[in-house]
Amino acid sequence: MKKIQLNSPEFNRVLKNLQFENLSLTPTLQKKVLEIVNSGEQISPTIIKEALKNGKV
C-alpha cells in the first residue's frame, strides 16, 4: 500500500472533506493520523476510539 504523506493529494482530500463537516486537525493530530494510517492496521471505529482515548490521536 502506498504511504500517505502530509502533502499527498489523498490526505489533502481528507482535510477538505473534514472542512465540509466543520472539522479540522491540528498539525500534531495530522501527523499522528498519518502514523496510524501508514501502519497498515485496518482502520475501524474501535481503532479510532482507542487512539483518541489513549492519546495516540
PDB file of N, CA and C in Angstrom:
ATOM      1  N   MET A   1       0.833  -1.179   0.000  1.00  0.00           N
ATOM      2  CA  MET A   1       0.000   0.000   0.000  1.00  0.00           C
ATOM      3  C   MET A   1       0.881   1.247   0.000  1.00  0.00           C
ATOM      4  N   LYS A   2       0.466   2.232  -0.757  1.00  0.00           N
ATOM      5  CA  LYS A   2       1.197   3.489  -0.848  1.00  0.00           C
ATOM      6  C   LYS A   2       1.117   4.244   0.482  1.00  0.00           C
ATOM      7  N   LYS A   3       2.259   4.755   0.944  1.00  0.00           N
ATOM      8  CA  LYS A   3       2.293   5.564   2.167  1.00  0.00           C
ATOM      9  C   LYS A   3       1.717   6.948   1.865  1.00  0.00           C
ATOM     10  N   ILE A   4       0.843   7.403   2.722  1.00  0.00           N
ATOM     11  CA  ILE A   4       0.246   8.724   2.572  1.00  0.00           C
ATOM     12  C   ILE A   4       1.110   9.730   3.322  1.00  0.00           C
ATOM     13  N   GLN A   5       1.306  10.886   2.719  1.00  0.00           N
ATOM     14  CA  GLN A   5       2.118  11.938   3.322  1.00  0.00           C
ATOM     15  C   GLN A   5       1.271  13.182   3.529  1.00  0.00           C
ATOM     16  N   LEU A   6       1.789  14.104   4.343  1.00  0.00           N
ATOM     17  CA  LEU A   6       1.057  15.337   4.637  1.00  0.00           C
ATOM     18  C   LEU A   6       0.700  16.132   3.387  1.00  0.00           C
ATOM     19  N   ASN A   7       1.552  16.082   2.382  1.00  0.00           N
ATOM     20  CA  ASN A   7       1.314  16.873   1.181  1.00  0.00           C
ATOM     21  C   ASN A   7       0.717  16.051   0.036  1.00  0.00           C
ATOM     22  N   SER A   8       0.276  14.833   0.307  1.00  0.00           N
ATOM     23  CA  SER A   8      -0.274  13.993  -0.757  1.00  0.00           C
ATOM     24  C   SER A   8      -1.694  14.432  -1.101  1.00  0.00           C
ATOM     25  N   PRO A   9      -2.104  14.219  -2.349  1.00  0.00           N
ATOM     26  CA  PRO A   9      -3.465  14.577  -2.761  1.00  0.00           C
ATOM     27  C   PRO A   9      -4.530  13.847  -1.940  1.00  0.00           C
ATOM     28  N   GLU A  10      -4.243  12.605  -1.545  1.00  0.00           N
ATOM     29  CA  GLU A  10      -5.207  11.829  -0.766  1.00  0.00           C
ATOM     30  C   GLU A  10      -5.457  12.472   0.595  1.00  0.00           C
ATOM     31  N   PHE A  11      -4.383  12.883   1.253  1.00  0.00           N
ATOM     32  CA  PHE A  11      -4.538  13.488   2.573  1.00  0.00           C
ATOM     33  C   PHE A  11      -5.195  14.858   2.471  1.00  0.00           C
ATOM     34  N   ASN A  12      -4.845  15.608   1.437  1.00  0.00           N
ATOM     35  CA  ASN A  12      -5.480  16.907   1.224  1.00  0.00           C
ATOM     36  C   ASN A  12      -6.982  16.746   0.987  1.00  0.00           C
ATOM     37  N   ARG A  13      -7.376  15.682   0.327  1.00  0.00           N
ATOM     38  CA  ARG A  13      -8.793  15.402   0.102  1.00  0.00           C
ATOM     39  C   ARG A  13      -9.499  15.122   1.430  1.00  0.00           C
ATOM     40  N   VAL A  14      -8.841  14.384   2.303  1.00  0.00           N
ATOM     41  CA  VAL A  14      -9.408  14.102   3.629  1.00  0.00           C
ATOM     42  C   VAL A  14      -9.596  15.400   4.406  1.00  0.00           C
ATOM     43  N   LEU A  15      -8.580  16.251   4.398  1.00  0.00           N
ATOM     44  CA  LEU A  15      -8.677  17.524   5.112  1.00  0.00           C
ATOM     45  C   LEU A  15      -9.799  18.391   4.550  1.00  0.00           C
ATOM     46  N   LYS A  16      -9.947  18.391   3.239  1.00  0.00           N
ATOM     47  CA  LYS A  16     -11.017  19.165   2.599  1.00  0.00           C
ATOM     48  C   LYS A  16     -12.384  18.621   3.008  1.00  0.00           C
ATOM     49  N   ASN A  17     -12.522  17.302   3.046  1.00  0.00           N
ATOM     50  CA  ASN A  17     -13.786  16.695   3.460  1.00  0.00           C
ATOM     51  C   ASN A  17     -14.097  17.021   4.916  1.00  0.00           C
ATOM     52  N   LEU A  18     -13.086  17.067   5.758  1.00  0.00           N
ATOM     53  CA  LEU A  18     -13.304  17.456   7.148  1.00  0.00           C
ATOM     54  C   LEU A  18     -13.791  18.899   7.240  1.00  0.00           C
ATOM     55  N   GLN A  19     -13.261  19.759   6.390  1.00  0.00           N
ATOM     56  CA  GLN A  19     -13.693  21.150   6.388  1.00  0.00           C
ATOM     57  C   GLN A  19     -15.174  21.267   6.043  1.00  0.00           C
ATOM     58  N   PHE A  20     -15.643  20.423   5.136  1.00  0.00           N
ATOM     59  CA  PHE A  20     -17.065  20.435   4.777  1.00  0.00           C
ATOM     60  C   PHE A  20     -17.941  20.109   5.981  1.00  0.00           C
ATOM     61  N   GLU A  21     -17.385  19.356   6.935  1.00  0.00           N
ATOM     62  CA  GLU A  21     -18.117  18.972   8.145  1.00  0.00           C
ATOM     63  C   GLU A  21     -17.787  19.905   9.318  1.00  0.00           C
ATOM     64  N   ASN A  22     -17.125  21.021   9.017  1.00  0.00           N
ATOM     65  CA  ASN A  22     -16.701  21.985  10.046  1.00  0.00           C
ATOM     66  C   ASN A  22     -15.771  21.353  11.077  1.00  0.00           C
ATOM     67  N   LEU A  23     -14.890  20.485  10.606  1.00  0.00           N
ATOM     68  CA  LEU A  23     -13.901  19.827  11.456  1.00  0.00           C
ATOM     69  C   LEU A  23     -12.512  20.144  10.920  1.00  0.00           C
ATOM     70  N   SER A  24     -11.544  20.088  11.807  1.00  0.00           N
ATOM     71  CA  SER A  24     -10.161  20.291  11.379  1.00  0.00           C
ATOM     72  C   SER A  24      -9.239  19.503  12.293  1.00  0.00           C
ATOM     73  N   LEU A  25      -8.019  19.299  11.829  1.00  0.00           N
ATOM     74  CA  LEU A  25      -6.997  18.600  12.596  1.00  0.00           C
ATOM     75  C   LEU A  25      -5.809  19.534  12.782  1.00  0.00           C
ATOM     76  N   THR A  26      -5.310  19.583  13.990  1.00  0.00           N
ATOM     77  CA  THR A  26      -4.099  20.354  14.225  1.00  0.00           C
ATOM     78  C   THR A  26      -2.943  19.657  13.509  1.00  0.00           C
ATOM     79  N   PRO A  27      -1.856  20.361  13.249  1.00  0.00           N
ATOM     80  CA  PRO A  27      -0.710  19.712  12.611  1.00  0.00           C
ATOM     81  C   PRO A  27      -0.207  18.489  13.384  1.00  0.00           C
ATOM     82  N   THR A  28      -0.248  18.544  14.698  1.00  0.00           N
ATOM     83  CA  THR A  28       0.177  17.402  15.508  1.00  0.00           C
ATOM     84  C   THR A  28      -0.752  16.210  15.278  1.00  0.00           C
ATOM     85  N   LEU A  29      -2.053  16.465  15.270  1.00  0.00           N
ATOM     86  CA  LEU A  29      -3.015  15.388  15.020  1.00  0.00           C
ATOM     87  C   LEU A  29      -2.862  14.835  13.612  1.00  0.00           C
ATOM     88  N   GLN A  30      -2.573  15.692  12.655  1.00  0.00           N
ATOM     89  CA  GLN A  30      -2.382  15.227  11.283  1.00  0.00           C
ATOM     90  C   GLN A  30      -1.253  14.207  11.210  1.00  0.00           C
ATOM     91  N   LYS A  31      -0.150  14.500  11.895  1.00  0.00           N
ATOM     92  CA  LYS A  31       0.991  13.578  11.884  1.00  0.00           C
ATOM     93  C   LYS A  31       0.644  12.255  12.552  1.00  0.00           C
ATOM     94  N   LYS A  32      -0.091  12.307  13.654  1.00  0.00           N
ATOM     95  CA  LYS A  32      -0.463  11.083  14.348  1.00  0.00           C
ATOM     96  C   LYS A  32      -1.445  10.250  13.521  1.00  0.00           C
ATOM     97  N   VAL A  33      -2.355  10.924  12.843  1.00  0.00           N
ATOM     98  CA  VAL A  33      -3.294  10.216  11.972  1.00  0.00           C
ATOM     99  C   VAL A  33      -2.523   9.492  10.871  1.00  0.00           C
ATOM    100  N   LEU A  34      -1.556  10.169  10.291  1.00  0.00           N
ATOM    101  CA  LEU A  34      -0.751   9.541   9.238  1.00  0.00           C
ATOM    102  C   LEU A  34      -0.001   8.322   9.758  1.00  0.00           C
ATOM    103  N   GLU A  35       0.503   8.393  10.987  1.00  0.00           N
ATOM    104  CA  GLU A  35       1.197   7.249  11.586  1.00  0.00           C
ATOM    105  C   GLU A  35       0.264   6.038  11.649  1.00  0.00           C
ATOM    106  N   ILE A  36      -0.957   6.264  12.088  1.00  0.00           N
ATOM    107  CA  ILE A  36      -1.917   5.165  12.208  1.00  0.00           C
ATOM    108  C   ILE A  36      -2.278   4.616  10.834  1.00  0.00           C
ATOM    109  N   VAL A  37      -2.574   5.515   9.900  1.00  0.00           N
ATOM    110  CA  VAL A  37      -2.968   5.082   8.552  1.00  0.00           C
ATOM    111  C   VAL A  37      -1.826   4.330   7.881  1.00  0.00           C
ATOM    112  N   ASN A  38      -0.615   4.828   8.004  1.00  0.00           N
ATOM    113  CA  ASN A  38       0.533   4.205   7.344  1.00  0.00           C
ATOM    114  C   ASN A  38       1.039   2.969   8.072  1.00  0.00           C
ATOM    115  N   SER A  39       0.503   2.675   9.249  1.00  0.00           N
ATOM    116  CA  SER A  39       0.935   1.486   9.988  1.00  0.00           C
ATOM    117  C   SER A  39       0.461   0.199   9.327  1.00  0.00           C
ATOM    118  N   GLY A  40      -0.534   0.323   8.443  1.00  0.00           N
ATOM    119  CA  GLY A  40      -1.054  -0.872   7.770  1.00  0.00           C
ATOM    120  C   GLY A  40      -2.172  -1.549   8.534  1.00  0.00           C
ATOM    121  N   GLU A  41      -2.460  -1.058   9.717  1.00  0.00           N
ATOM    122  CA  GLU A  41      -3.534  -1.618  10.536  1.00  0.00           C
ATOM    123  C   GLU A  41      -4.876  -1.214   9.929  1.00  0.00           C
ATOM    124  N   GLN A  42      -5.827  -2.148   9.912  1.00  0.00           N
ATOM    125  CA  GLN A  42      -7.138  -1.844   9.363  1.00  0.00           C
ATOM    126  C   GLN A  42      -7.840  -0.821  10.260  1.00  0.00           C
ATOM    127  N   ILE A  43      -8.324   0.237   9.654  1.00  0.00           N
ATOM    128  CA  ILE A  43      -8.973   1.308  10.403  1.00  0.00           C
ATOM    129  C   ILE A  43     -10.424   0.922  10.667  1.00  0.00           C
ATOM    130  N   SER A  44     -10.808   1.036  11.920  1.00  0.00           N
ATOM    131  CA  SER A  44     -12.183   0.724  12.324  1.00  0.00           C
ATOM    132  C   SER A  44     -12.603   1.735  13.379  1.00  0.00           C
ATOM    133  N   PRO A  45     -13.888   1.820  13.659  1.00  0.00           N
ATOM    134  CA  PRO A  45     -14.320   2.727  14.726  1.00  0.00           C
ATOM    135  C   PRO A  45     -13.638   2.427  16.059  1.00  0.00           C
ATOM    136  N   THR A  46     -13.398   1.154  16.334  1.00  0.00           N
ATOM    137  CA  THR A  46     -12.738   0.773  17.586  1.00  0.00           C
ATOM    138  C   THR A  46     -11.314   1.308  17.642  1.00  0.00           C
ATOM    139  N   ILE A  47     -10.573   1.186  16.551  1.00  0.00           N
ATOM    140  CA  ILE A  47      -9.192   1.684  16.492  1.00  0.00           C
ATOM    141  C   ILE A  47      -9.183   3.190  16.715  1.00  0.00           C
ATOM    142  N   ILE A  48     -10.115   3.896  16.097  1.00  0.00           N
ATOM    143  CA  ILE A  48     -10.171   5.349  16.243  1.00  0.00           C
ATOM    144  C   ILE A  48     -10.494   5.731  17.683  1.00  0.00           C
ATOM    145  N   LYS A  49     -11.471   5.060  18.282  1.00  0.00           N
ATOM    146  CA  LYS A  49     -11.849   5.356  19.667  1.00  0.00           C
ATOM    147  C   LYS A  49     -10.695   5.079  20.618  1.00  0.00           C
ATOM    148  N   GLU A  50      -9.996   3.953  20.423  1.00  0.00           N
ATOM    149  CA  GLU A  50      -8.865   3.620  21.283  1.00  0.00           C
ATOM    150  C   GLU A  50      -7.745   4.650  21.138  1.00  0.00           C
ATOM    151  N   ALA A  51      -7.484   5.064  19.908  1.00  0.00           N
ATOM    152  CA  ALA A  51      -6.426   6.037  19.673  1.00  0.00           C
ATOM    153  C   ALA A  51      -6.765   7.362  20.350  1.00  0.00           C
ATOM    154  N   LEU A  52      -8.013   7.788  20.265  1.00  0.00           N
ATOM    155  CA  LEU A  52      -8.424   9.024  20.902  1.00  0.00           C
ATOM    156  C   LEU A  52      -8.354   8.918  22.421  1.00  0.00           C
ATOM    157  N   LYS A  53      -8.790   7.774  22.945  1.00  0.00           N
ATOM    158  CA  LYS A  53      -8.793   7.580  24.395  1.00  0.00           C
ATOM    159  C   LYS A  53      -7.375   7.518  24.946  1.00  0.00           C
ATOM    160  N   ASN A  54      -6.472   6.878  24.206  1.00  0.00           N
ATOM    161  CA  ASN A  54      -5.100   6.674  24.694  1.00  0.00           C
ATOM    162  C   ASN A  54      -4.165   7.823  24.308  1.00  0.00           C
ATOM    163  N   GLY A  55      -4.711   8.831  23.670  1.00  0.00           N
ATOM    164  CA  GLY A  55      -3.892   9.994  23.307  1.00  0.00           C
ATOM    165  C   GLY A  55      -3.021   9.781  22.100  1.00  0.00           C
ATOM    166  N   LYS A  56      -3.239   8.707  21.336  1.00  0.00           N
ATOM    167  CA  LYS A  56      -2.450   8.493  20.137  1.00  0.00           C
ATOM    168  C   LYS A  56      -2.836   9.485  19.047  1.00  0.00           C
ATOM    169  N   VAL A  57      -4.080   9.896  19.053  1.00  0.00           N
ATOM    170  CA  VAL A  57      -4.557  10.836  18.033  1.00  0.00           C
ATOM    171  C   VAL A  57      -5.037  12.087  18.726  1.00  0.00           C
TER     172      VAL A  57
END
